[in-house]
Amino acid sequence: MPITDSDRSLSKRQYNLPLVIDNYIFPGEIVYMKHICYILVTLFLLFIALPLVAADFEELDKPPEGIYRGQMLLGGYFSFGIPRGSVIDAENKFVKGSTHSFSDSETTKALWITHLSYSFGVFGEYVVYDHIGVYSQLGATYVVQRTDYGKDYSNNKRNLYAGAMFLLGPDFHLTDRRPWDVSLCPLIGYTYGKFHASPIAESQINQKSTDGNIEKTYHPSGAKTRISTFVYGANLKVSVFFSGGLLISLGGEWIRIPIKMDGPIKESNPQTERTYMNGKTSGNIDNIRFIISAGYAFKN
């Protein structure tokens, strides 16, 4: 049966994020990610609406005051980007050269995967001194793996990593009492989530059996690991302040998640004989993302 190749351009593919968010972080547990998402989105909208329900509407006519000592910031954020790191390299290498057979069309396609990282949640900051604040961030983070067979075929998506994350760090501001600001914040924090090694390979590597039926041929053991570890990174933001206290920020963010599995995955790729991570049990995921945030600046 001939092996056809698809257009592998990532720019032509789209991730259906709501379907991913609707999954559990930890299947079988009480807390569902869709409920957390609804709460965070509601809080995000409330923070944006705060200037409109201010007790003193005359404040809306005052010019923005920007960042200054004693000010408090509160809002919501969303970030997205392309993950990198040794774990991502291992995932791509493990499926390289593999194929997937479609039972409905009797077609075999080269197995090619792409990755997307995104997160959402709430943030807060208290400006302790002139130009220096204490920034914190609480939210959910995902690293999604997806097949790239082309638009004419059914693609599959799985969570490579999904978990909750808390970040904290000093935020260094360039300006003082200006309607705009540039800030740099080194971050350290903690994440608790689930890592699923080679999730696409587990669901997509198959072949025809002797009776003509297509059967899954890759059955890894120990691929799922609970991750509980410290993380670190930084973000760089440009913020604009508006009348009434509304602020909007755009910038970049880098967060490194160390991954430590319970043990090596002994089962090799049945089509290529490759071993996952060459038998290693640790690596890292570098989340390099574009971050958008909006909130309200409270006067102290």
C-alpha atoms as a PDB file:
ATOM      1  CA  MET A   1       0.000   0.000   0.000  1.00  0.00           C
ATOM      2  CA  PRO A   2       1.531   3.351  -1.009  1.00  0.00           C
ATOM      3  CA  ILE A   3       2.541   5.818   1.723  1.00  0.00           C
ATOM      4  CA  THR A   4       1.403   9.334   0.932  1.00  0.00           C
ATOM      5  CA  ASP A   5       2.763  12.476   2.546  1.00  0.00           C
ATOM      6  CA  SER A   6       0.794  15.540   3.600  1.00  0.00           C
ATOM      7  CA  ASP A   7       1.516  19.212   3.648  1.00  0.00           C
ATOM      8  CA  ARG A   8       3.389  19.695   6.928  1.00  0.00           C
ATOM      9  CA  SER A   9       3.034  23.469   7.138  1.00  0.00           C
ATOM     10  CA  LEU A  10       2.087  24.379  10.712  1.00  0.00           C
ATOM     11  CA  SER A  11       0.730  27.737   9.551  1.00  0.00           C
ATOM     12  CA  LYS A  12      -2.101  25.918   7.770  1.00  0.00           C
ATOM     13  CA  ARG A  13      -3.156  23.920  10.817  1.00  0.00           C
ATOM     14  CA  GLN A  14      -5.448  25.035  13.597  1.00  0.00           C
ATOM     15  CA  TYR A  15      -5.754  23.691  17.133  1.00  0.00           C
ATOM     16  CA  ASN A  16      -9.247  23.204  18.488  1.00  0.00           C
ATOM     17  CA  LEU A  17      -8.470  24.495  21.984  1.00  0.00           C
ATOM     18  CA  PRO A  18     -11.952  24.134  23.518  1.00  0.00           C
ATOM     19  CA  LEU A  19     -11.826  20.378  22.949  1.00  0.00           C
ATOM     20  CA  VAL A  20      -8.498  20.203  24.760  1.00  0.00           C
ATOM     21  CA  ILE A  21      -9.616  22.408  27.640  1.00  0.00           C
ATOM     22  CA  ASP A  22     -12.666  20.196  28.072  1.00  0.00           C
ATOM     23  CA  ASN A  23     -10.454  17.247  29.101  1.00  0.00           C
ATOM     24  CA  TYR A  24      -9.515  16.513  32.681  1.00  0.00           C
ATOM     25  CA  ILE A  25      -6.115  17.382  34.078  1.00  0.00           C
ATOM     26  CA  PHE A  26      -6.292  14.174  36.078  1.00  0.00           C
ATOM     27  CA  PRO A  27      -8.885  11.691  34.705  1.00  0.00           C
ATOM     28  CA  GLY A  28     -11.033  10.170  37.426  1.00  0.00           C
ATOM     29  CA  GLU A  29     -10.619  13.017  39.897  1.00  0.00           C
ATOM     30  CA  ILE A  30     -13.354  15.423  40.951  1.00  0.00           C
ATOM     31  CA  VAL A  31     -11.916  18.651  39.578  1.00  0.00           C
ATOM     32  CA  TYR A  32     -12.604  19.156  35.870  1.00  0.00           C
ATOM     33  CA  MET A  33     -10.624  21.613  33.795  1.00  0.00           C
ATOM     34  CA  LYS A  34     -13.734  22.950  32.078  1.00  0.00           C
ATOM     35  CA  HIS A  35     -15.084  24.125  35.438  1.00  0.00           C
ATOM     36  CA  ILE A  36     -11.781  25.837  36.243  1.00  0.00           C
ATOM     37  CA  CYS A  37     -11.821  27.443  32.803  1.00  0.00           C
ATOM     38  CA  TYR A  38     -15.331  28.846  33.337  1.00  0.00           C
ATOM     39  CA  ILE A  39     -14.313  30.332  36.698  1.00  0.00           C
ATOM     40  CA  LEU A  40     -11.138  31.926  35.343  1.00  0.00           C
ATOM     41  CA  VAL A  41     -12.923  33.393  32.317  1.00  0.00           C
ATOM     42  CA  THR A  42     -15.612  34.846  34.595  1.00  0.00           C
ATOM     43  CA  LEU A  43     -12.986  36.417  36.852  1.00  0.00           C
ATOM     44  CA  PHE A  44     -11.173  37.781  33.804  1.00  0.00           C
ATOM     45  CA  LEU A  45     -14.347  39.510  32.572  1.00  0.00           C
ATOM     46  CA  LEU A  46     -15.077  40.893  36.038  1.00  0.00           C
ATOM     47  CA  PHE A  47     -11.616  42.436  36.284  1.00  0.00           C
ATOM     48  CA  ILE A  48     -12.063  44.147  32.935  1.00  0.00           C
ATOM     49  CA  ALA A  49     -15.483  45.450  33.965  1.00  0.00           C
ATOM     50  CA  LEU A  50     -14.287  46.893  37.287  1.00  0.00           C
ATOM     51  CA  PRO A  51     -13.634  50.404  35.930  1.00  0.00           C
ATOM     52  CA  LEU A  52     -17.207  50.581  34.692  1.00  0.00           C
ATOM     53  CA  VAL A  53     -18.685  49.863  38.113  1.00  0.00           C
ATOM     54  CA  ALA A  54     -16.390  52.100  40.122  1.00  0.00           C
ATOM     55  CA  ALA A  55     -18.048  53.838  43.041  1.00  0.00           C
ATOM     56  CA  ASP A  56     -16.850  57.231  41.881  1.00  0.00           C
ATOM     57  CA  PHE A  57     -17.484  57.544  38.146  1.00  0.00           C
ATOM     58  CA  GLU A  58     -15.595  60.830  38.079  1.00  0.00           C
ATOM     59  CA  GLU A  59     -12.412  58.725  38.221  1.00  0.00           C
ATOM     60  CA  LEU A  60     -13.071  57.641  34.646  1.00  0.00           C
ATOM     61  CA  ASP A  61     -12.344  61.210  33.482  1.00  0.00           C
ATOM     62  CA  LYS A  62      -8.963  61.324  35.213  1.00  0.00           C
ATOM     63  CA  PRO A  63      -5.815  60.609  33.185  1.00  0.00           C
ATOM     64  CA  PRO A  64      -4.102  57.224  33.771  1.00  0.00           C
ATOM     65  CA  GLU A  65      -1.483  57.314  36.529  1.00  0.00           C
ATOM     66  CA  GLY A  66       0.533  54.266  35.554  1.00  0.00           C
ATOM     67  CA  ILE A  67       2.804  52.387  37.962  1.00  0.00           C
ATOM     68  CA  TYR A  68       3.776  53.896  41.307  1.00  0.00           C
ATOM     69  CA  ARG A  69       4.677  52.808  44.831  1.00  0.00           C
ATOM     70  CA  GLY A  70       1.771  51.304  46.787  1.00  0.00           C
ATOM     71  CA  GLN A  71      -0.309  50.409  43.749  1.00  0.00           C
ATOM     72  CA  MET A  72      -2.007  47.017  43.354  1.00  0.00           C
ATOM     73  CA  LEU A  73      -2.727  45.287  40.043  1.00  0.00           C
ATOM     74  CA  LEU A  74      -5.195  42.452  39.507  1.00  0.00           C
ATOM     75  CA  GLY A  75      -6.367  40.772  36.304  1.00  0.00           C
ATOM     76  CA  GLY A  76      -6.354  37.780  33.997  1.00  0.00           C
ATOM     77  CA  TYR A  77      -3.989  36.474  31.329  1.00  0.00           C
ATOM     78  CA  PHE A  78      -3.794  34.114  28.362  1.00  0.00           C
ATOM     79  CA  SER A  79      -0.604  32.918  26.665  1.00  0.00           C
ATOM     80  CA  PHE A  80       0.177  30.666  23.709  1.00  0.00           C
ATOM     81  CA  GLY A  81       3.233  29.569  21.773  1.00  0.00           C
ATOM     82  CA  ILE A  82       5.428  26.760  20.489  1.00  0.00           C
ATOM     83  CA  PRO A  83       7.172  24.597  23.125  1.00  0.00           C
ATOM     84  CA  ARG A  84      10.788  23.551  22.838  1.00  0.00           C
ATOM     85  CA  GLY A  85      13.188  21.469  24.927  1.00  0.00           C
ATOM     86  CA  SER A  86      14.662  17.997  25.157  1.00  0.00           C
ATOM     87  CA  VAL A  87      11.270  16.344  25.732  1.00  0.00           C
ATOM     88  CA  ILE A  88       9.820  17.901  22.556  1.00  0.00           C
ATOM     89  CA  ASP A  89      12.895  16.801  20.599  1.00  0.00           C
ATOM     90  CA  ALA A  90      12.483  13.273  21.976  1.00  0.00           C
ATOM     91  CA  GLU A  91       8.801  13.166  20.991  1.00  0.00           C
ATOM     92  CA  ASN A  92       9.546  14.238  17.405  1.00  0.00           C
ATOM     93  CA  LYS A  93      12.428  11.781  17.096  1.00  0.00           C
ATOM     94  CA  PHE A  94      10.405   8.877  18.488  1.00  0.00           C
ATOM     95  CA  VAL A  95       7.653   9.074  15.821  1.00  0.00           C
ATOM     96  CA  LYS A  96       9.955   9.979  12.919  1.00  0.00           C
ATOM     97  CA  GLY A  97       9.587   7.419  10.150  1.00  0.00           C
ATOM     98  CA  SER A  98       6.355   5.964  11.562  1.00  0.00           C
ATOM     99  CA  THR A  99       3.056   5.611   9.683  1.00  0.00           C
ATOM    100  CA  HIS A 100      -0.646   5.446  10.488  1.00  0.00           C
ATOM    101  CA  SER A 101      -3.231   3.426   8.546  1.00  0.00           C
ATOM    102  CA  PHE A 102      -6.810   4.704   8.243  1.00  0.00           C
ATOM    103  CA  SER A 103      -9.382   1.934   8.368  1.00  0.00           C
ATOM    104  CA  ASP A 104     -12.114   3.956   6.682  1.00  0.00           C
ATOM    105  CA  SER A 105     -10.095   4.976   3.594  1.00  0.00           C
ATOM    106  CA  GLU A 106      -7.486   2.193   3.406  1.00  0.00           C
ATOM    107  CA  THR A 107      -4.822   4.887   3.263  1.00  0.00           C
ATOM    108  CA  THR A 108      -1.476   4.958   5.040  1.00  0.00           C
ATOM    109  CA  LYS A 109       0.045   8.305   5.951  1.00  0.00           C
ATOM    110  CA  ALA A 110       3.384   9.343   7.416  1.00  0.00           C
ATOM    111  CA  LEU A 111       2.965  10.098  11.134  1.00  0.00           C
ATOM    112  CA  TRP A 112       3.972  13.710  11.748  1.00  0.00           C
ATOM    113  CA  ILE A 113       3.283  15.627  14.966  1.00  0.00           C
ATOM    114  CA  THR A 114       3.232  19.287  15.991  1.00  0.00           C
ATOM    115  CA  HIS A 115       3.095  20.918  19.425  1.00  0.00           C
ATOM    116  CA  LEU A 116       1.316  23.900  20.958  1.00  0.00           C
ATOM    117  CA  SER A 117       1.651  25.374  24.447  1.00  0.00           C
ATOM    118  CA  TYR A 118      -0.903  27.615  26.107  1.00  0.00           C
ATOM    119  CA  SER A 119      -1.972  28.763  29.566  1.00  0.00           C
ATOM    120  CA  PHE A 120      -4.602  30.942  31.225  1.00  0.00           C
ATOM    121  CA  GLY A 121      -5.338  32.225  34.722  1.00  0.00           C
ATOM    122  CA  VAL A 122      -5.183  35.240  37.028  1.00  0.00           C
ATOM    123  CA  PHE A 123      -2.328  37.529  38.083  1.00  0.00           C
ATOM    124  CA  GLY A 124      -1.698  40.063  40.823  1.00  0.00           C
ATOM    125  CA  GLU A 125       1.020  42.521  41.723  1.00  0.00           C
ATOM    126  CA  TYR A 126       1.830  44.876  44.585  1.00  0.00           C
ATOM    127  CA  VAL A 127       4.310  47.689  43.844  1.00  0.00           C
ATOM    128  CA  VAL A 128       6.485  47.694  46.972  1.00  0.00           C
ATOM    129  CA  TYR A 129       8.990  50.362  45.938  1.00  0.00           C
ATOM    130  CA  ASP A 130       9.372  52.782  43.056  1.00  0.00           C
ATOM    131  CA  HIS A 131       9.966  50.673  39.931  1.00  0.00           C
ATOM    132  CA  ILE A 132       9.829  47.353  41.854  1.00  0.00           C
ATOM    133  CA  GLY A 133       6.788  45.168  42.496  1.00  0.00           C
ATOM    134  CA  VAL A 134       5.984  41.623  43.612  1.00  0.00           C
ATOM    135  CA  TYR A 135       4.236  39.734  40.792  1.00  0.00           C
ATOM    136  CA  SER A 136       2.282  36.471  41.138  1.00  0.00           C
ATOM    137  CA  GLN A 137       0.473  34.256  38.652  1.00  0.00           C
ATOM    138  CA  LEU A 138      -1.911  31.329  39.154  1.00  0.00           C
ATOM    139  CA  GLY A 139      -3.399  29.290  36.339  1.00  0.00           C
ATOM    140  CA  ALA A 140      -3.496  26.184  34.182  1.00  0.00           C
ATOM    141  CA  THR A 141      -0.922  25.270  31.565  1.00  0.00           C
ATOM    142  CA  TYR A 142      -1.082  22.802  28.662  1.00  0.00           C
ATOM    143  CA  VAL A 143       1.311  21.342  26.131  1.00  0.00           C
ATOM    144  CA  VAL A 144      -0.716  19.772  23.330  1.00  0.00           C
ATOM    145  CA  GLN A 145       0.485  17.242  20.768  1.00  0.00           C
ATOM    146  CA  ARG A 146      -1.387  16.895  17.477  1.00  0.00           C
ATOM    147  CA  THR A 147      -1.110  14.864  14.291  1.00  0.00           C
ATOM    148  CA  ASP A 148      -0.641  16.629  10.976  1.00  0.00           C
ATOM    149  CA  TYR A 149      -2.163  14.355   8.333  1.00  0.00           C
ATOM    150  CA  GLY A 150      -3.730  17.201   6.382  1.00  0.00           C
ATOM    151  CA  LYS A 151      -7.142  18.834   6.246  1.00  0.00           C
ATOM    152  CA  ASP A 152      -8.710  15.931   4.341  1.00  0.00           C
ATOM    153  CA  TYR A 153      -8.016  13.462   7.168  1.00  0.00           C
ATOM    154  CA  SER A 154      -9.110  13.135  10.760  1.00  0.00           C
ATOM    155  CA  ASN A 155      -6.398  14.469  13.062  1.00  0.00           C
ATOM    156  CA  ASN A 156      -5.853  13.433  16.634  1.00  0.00           C
ATOM    157  CA  LYS A 157      -4.771  15.522  19.630  1.00  0.00           C
ATOM    158  CA  ARG A 158      -3.514  14.594  23.102  1.00  0.00           C
ATOM    159  CA  ASN A 159      -2.107  16.408  26.134  1.00  0.00           C
ATOM    160  CA  LEU A 160       1.628  15.891  26.520  1.00  0.00           C
ATOM    161  CA  TYR A 161       1.490  17.878  29.776  1.00  0.00           C
ATOM    162  CA  ALA A 162      -1.436  19.398  31.670  1.00  0.00           C
ATOM    163  CA  GLY A 163      -1.371  20.918  35.131  1.00  0.00           C
ATOM    164  CA  ALA A 164      -1.785  23.824  37.506  1.00  0.00           C
ATOM    165  CA  MET A 165       1.023  26.329  38.004  1.00  0.00           C
ATOM    166  CA  PHE A 166       1.871  29.083  40.495  1.00  0.00           C
ATOM    167  CA  LEU A 167       4.591  31.647  39.734  1.00  0.00           C
ATOM    168  CA  LEU A 168       6.117  34.433  41.839  1.00  0.00           C
ATOM    169  CA  GLY A 169       8.865  36.971  41.277  1.00  0.00           C
ATOM    170  CA  PRO A 170      10.115  40.576  41.476  1.00  0.00           C
ATOM    171  CA  ASP A 171       8.777  42.802  38.686  1.00  0.00           C
ATOM    172  CA  PHE A 172      11.149  45.564  37.573  1.00  0.00           C
ATOM    173  CA  HIS A 173       9.358  48.541  35.982  1.00  0.00           C
ATOM    174  CA  LEU A 174      10.954  51.080  33.667  1.00  0.00           C
ATOM    175  CA  THR A 175       8.567  53.992  34.338  1.00  0.00           C
ATOM    176  CA  ASP A 176       6.900  55.745  37.279  1.00  0.00           C
ATOM    177  CA  ARG A 177       3.455  57.392  36.970  1.00  0.00           C
ATOM    178  CA  ARG A 178       3.391  57.195  33.185  1.00  0.00           C
ATOM    179  CA  PRO A 179       0.517  55.928  30.993  1.00  0.00           C
ATOM    180  CA  TRP A 180       2.799  53.176  29.662  1.00  0.00           C
ATOM    181  CA  ASP A 181       5.379  50.841  31.138  1.00  0.00           C
ATOM    182  CA  VAL A 182       7.916  48.147  30.282  1.00  0.00           C
ATOM    183  CA  SER A 183       8.603  45.489  32.891  1.00  0.00           C
ATOM    184  CA  LEU A 184      10.891  42.479  33.293  1.00  0.00           C
ATOM    185  CA  CYS A 185      10.043  39.771  35.811  1.00  0.00           C
ATOM    186  CA  PRO A 186      12.195  36.713  36.637  1.00  0.00           C
ATOM    187  CA  LEU A 187       9.916  33.965  37.922  1.00  0.00           C
ATOM    188  CA  ILE A 188      10.084  30.880  40.101  1.00  0.00           C
ATOM    189  CA  GLY A 189       7.191  28.678  41.063  1.00  0.00           C
ATOM    190  CA  TYR A 190       5.635  25.252  41.341  1.00  0.00           C
ATOM    191  CA  THR A 191       3.558  23.030  39.088  1.00  0.00           C
ATOM    192  CA  TYR A 192       1.455  19.963  39.740  1.00  0.00           C
ATOM    193  CA  GLY A 193       0.178  18.026  36.746  1.00  0.00           C
ATOM    194  CA  LYS A 194       0.342  14.980  34.540  1.00  0.00           C
ATOM    195  CA  PHE A 195       2.895  14.106  31.867  1.00  0.00           C
ATOM    196  CA  HIS A 196       1.916  11.577  29.208  1.00  0.00           C
ATOM    197  CA  ALA A 197       4.900  10.422  27.159  1.00  0.00           C
ATOM    198  CA  SER A 198       4.344   9.698  23.443  1.00  0.00           C
ATOM    199  CA  PRO A 199       0.546  10.141  23.612  1.00  0.00           C
ATOM    200  CA  ILE A 200       0.101  10.351  19.827  1.00  0.00           C
ATOM    201  CA  ALA A 201       2.360   7.363  19.178  1.00  0.00           C
ATOM    202  CA  GLU A 202       0.335   5.321  21.650  1.00  0.00           C
ATOM    203  CA  SER A 203      -2.932   6.052  19.854  1.00  0.00           C
ATOM    204  CA  GLN A 204      -1.784   6.256  16.210  1.00  0.00           C
ATOM    205  CA  ILE A 205       0.936   3.676  15.544  1.00  0.00           C
ATOM    206  CA  ASN A 206      -0.824   0.689  13.986  1.00  0.00           C
ATOM    207  CA  GLN A 207      -0.675  -1.794  11.129  1.00  0.00           C
ATOM    208  CA  LYS A 208      -2.760  -4.416   9.343  1.00  0.00           C
ATOM    209  CA  SER A 209      -2.989  -7.824  10.910  1.00  0.00           C
ATOM    210  CA  THR A 210      -3.039 -11.111   8.979  1.00  0.00           C
ATOM    211  CA  ASP A 211      -6.852 -11.035   8.777  1.00  0.00           C
ATOM    212  CA  GLY A 212      -6.865  -7.561   7.208  1.00  0.00           C
ATOM    213  CA  ASN A 213      -7.971  -5.652  10.289  1.00  0.00           C
ATOM    214  CA  ILE A 214      -6.005  -2.629  11.510  1.00  0.00           C
ATOM    215  CA  GLU A 215      -4.695  -3.073  15.039  1.00  0.00           C
ATOM    216  CA  LYS A 216      -2.795  -0.812  17.435  1.00  0.00           C
ATOM    217  CA  THR A 217       0.748  -2.098  17.810  1.00  0.00           C
ATOM    218  CA  TYR A 218       2.367   0.247  20.349  1.00  0.00           C
ATOM    219  CA  HIS A 219       1.477  -0.492  23.984  1.00  0.00           C
ATOM    220  CA  PRO A 220       3.881   1.431  26.267  1.00  0.00           C
ATOM    221  CA  SER A 221       3.953   0.878  30.011  1.00  0.00           C
ATOM    222  CA  GLY A 222       4.718   3.646  32.488  1.00  0.00           C
ATOM    223  CA  ALA A 223       4.034   6.435  29.981  1.00  0.00           C
ATOM    224  CA  LYS A 224       1.922   8.483  32.421  1.00  0.00           C
ATOM    225  CA  THR A 225       3.645  10.274  35.297  1.00  0.00           C
ATOM    226  CA  ARG A 226       2.456  12.725  37.934  1.00  0.00           C
ATOM    227  CA  ILE A 227       4.690  15.806  37.917  1.00  0.00           C
ATOM    228  CA  SER A 228       5.230  17.803  41.110  1.00  0.00           C
ATOM    229  CA  THR A 229       8.197  20.106  40.732  1.00  0.00           C
ATOM    230  CA  PHE A 230       9.605  23.620  40.842  1.00  0.00           C
ATOM    231  CA  VAL A 231       9.627  25.665  37.638  1.00  0.00           C
ATOM    232  CA  TYR A 232      11.391  28.855  36.623  1.00  0.00           C
ATOM    233  CA  GLY A 233      11.444  31.417  33.825  1.00  0.00           C
ATOM    234  CA  ALA A 234      10.749  35.075  33.074  1.00  0.00           C
ATOM    235  CA  ASN A 235       8.388  37.392  31.241  1.00  0.00           C
ATOM    236  CA  LEU A 236       8.815  40.725  29.499  1.00  0.00           C
ATOM    237  CA  LYS A 237       5.735  42.934  29.088  1.00  0.00           C
ATOM    238  CA  VAL A 238       4.707  46.283  27.613  1.00  0.00           C
ATOM    239  CA  SER A 239       1.713  47.755  29.464  1.00  0.00           C
ATOM    240  CA  VAL A 240      -0.666  50.571  28.604  1.00  0.00           C
ATOM    241  CA  PHE A 241      -2.857  52.242  31.250  1.00  0.00           C
ATOM    242  CA  PHE A 242      -6.238  53.821  30.545  1.00  0.00           C
ATOM    243  CA  SER A 243      -8.576  56.148  32.421  1.00  0.00           C
ATOM    244  CA  GLY A 244     -10.345  54.461  35.304  1.00  0.00           C
ATOM    245  CA  GLY A 245      -7.488  52.073  36.036  1.00  0.00           C
ATOM    246  CA  LEU A 246      -7.807  49.635  33.128  1.00  0.00           C
ATOM    247  CA  LEU A 247      -4.505  48.177  31.913  1.00  0.00           C
ATOM    248  CA  ILE A 248      -3.608  45.943  28.981  1.00  0.00           C
ATOM    249  CA  SER A 249      -0.251  44.188  28.603  1.00  0.00           C
ATOM    250  CA  LEU A 250       1.433  42.360  25.736  1.00  0.00           C
ATOM    251  CA  GLY A 251       4.704  40.518  25.884  1.00  0.00           C
ATOM    252  CA  GLY A 252       6.666  37.299  25.880  1.00  0.00           C
ATOM    253  CA  GLU A 253       7.091  34.544  28.447  1.00  0.00           C
ATOM    254  CA  TRP A 254       9.488  31.636  28.940  1.00  0.00           C
ATOM    255  CA  ILE A 255       8.800  28.925  31.530  1.00  0.00           C
ATOM    256  CA  ARG A 256      10.859  25.733  31.936  1.00  0.00           C
ATOM    257  CA  ILE A 257       9.145  22.612  33.296  1.00  0.00           C
ATOM    258  CA  PRO A 258      11.553  19.844  34.402  1.00  0.00           C
ATOM    259  CA  ILE A 259      10.131  16.402  33.603  1.00  0.00           C
ATOM    260  CA  LYS A 260      11.093  13.346  35.638  1.00  0.00           C
ATOM    261  CA  MET A 261       9.402  10.043  34.780  1.00  0.00           C
ATOM    262  CA  ASP A 262       9.002   7.163  37.205  1.00  0.00           C
ATOM    263  CA  GLY A 263      11.123   4.964  34.973  1.00  0.00           C
ATOM    264  CA  PRO A 264      12.217   4.397  31.360  1.00  0.00           C
ATOM    265  CA  ILE A 265       9.735   3.299  28.702  1.00  0.00           C
ATOM    266  CA  LYS A 266      11.087  -0.086  27.694  1.00  0.00           C
ATOM    267  CA  GLU A 267       8.762  -0.702  24.742  1.00  0.00           C
ATOM    268  CA  SER A 268      10.331   0.582  21.513  1.00  0.00           C
ATOM    269  CA  ASN A 269       8.528   1.925  18.473  1.00  0.00           C
ATOM    270  CA  PRO A 270       7.392  -1.272  16.690  1.00  0.00           C
ATOM    271  CA  GLN A 271       7.868   0.317  13.249  1.00  0.00           C
ATOM    272  CA  THR A 272      11.284   1.932  13.718  1.00  0.00           C
ATOM    273  CA  GLU A 273      12.691   0.149  16.800  1.00  0.00           C
ATOM    274  CA  ARG A 274      13.503   3.536  18.356  1.00  0.00           C
ATOM    275  CA  THR A 275      13.522   3.787  22.173  1.00  0.00           C
ATOM    276  CA  TYR A 276      11.832   6.743  23.837  1.00  0.00           C
ATOM    277  CA  MET A 277      14.438   9.336  24.973  1.00  0.00           C
ATOM    278  CA  ASN A 278      17.100   6.662  24.362  1.00  0.00           C
ATOM    279  CA  GLY A 279      16.130   5.086  27.677  1.00  0.00           C
ATOM    280  CA  LYS A 280      16.492   8.284  29.721  1.00  0.00           C
ATOM    281  CA  THR A 281      13.888   9.274  32.310  1.00  0.00           C
ATOM    282  CA  SER A 282      14.267  13.062  32.549  1.00  0.00           C
ATOM    283  CA  GLY A 283      14.190  16.136  30.355  1.00  0.00           C
ATOM    284  CA  ASN A 284      12.564  19.529  30.141  1.00  0.00           C
ATOM    285  CA  ILE A 285       9.823  21.423  28.351  1.00  0.00           C
ATOM    286  CA  ASP A 286      10.546  25.062  27.513  1.00  0.00           C
ATOM    287  CA  ASN A 287       7.305  26.997  27.088  1.00  0.00           C
ATOM    288  CA  ILE A 288       8.043  30.034  24.894  1.00  0.00           C
ATOM    289  CA  ARG A 289       4.790  31.946  24.586  1.00  0.00           C
ATOM    290  CA  PHE A 290       3.177  35.237  23.669  1.00  0.00           C
ATOM    291  CA  ILE A 291       1.242  36.556  26.685  1.00  0.00           C
ATOM    292  CA  ILE A 292      -1.800  38.868  26.741  1.00  0.00           C
ATOM    293  CA  SER A 293      -3.154  40.206  30.031  1.00  0.00           C
ATOM    294  CA  ALA A 294      -5.768  42.724  31.114  1.00  0.00           C
ATOM    295  CA  GLY A 295      -6.811  43.966  34.533  1.00  0.00           C
ATOM    296  CA  TYR A 296      -7.326  46.872  36.870  1.00  0.00           C
ATOM    297  CA  ALA A 297      -4.943  49.112  38.794  1.00  0.00           C
ATOM    298  CA  PHE A 298      -6.211  49.739  42.337  1.00  0.00           C
ATOM    299  CA  LYS A 299      -5.163  52.868  44.189  1.00  0.00           C
ATOM    300  CA  ASN A 300      -3.782  52.338  47.649  1.00  0.00           C
END
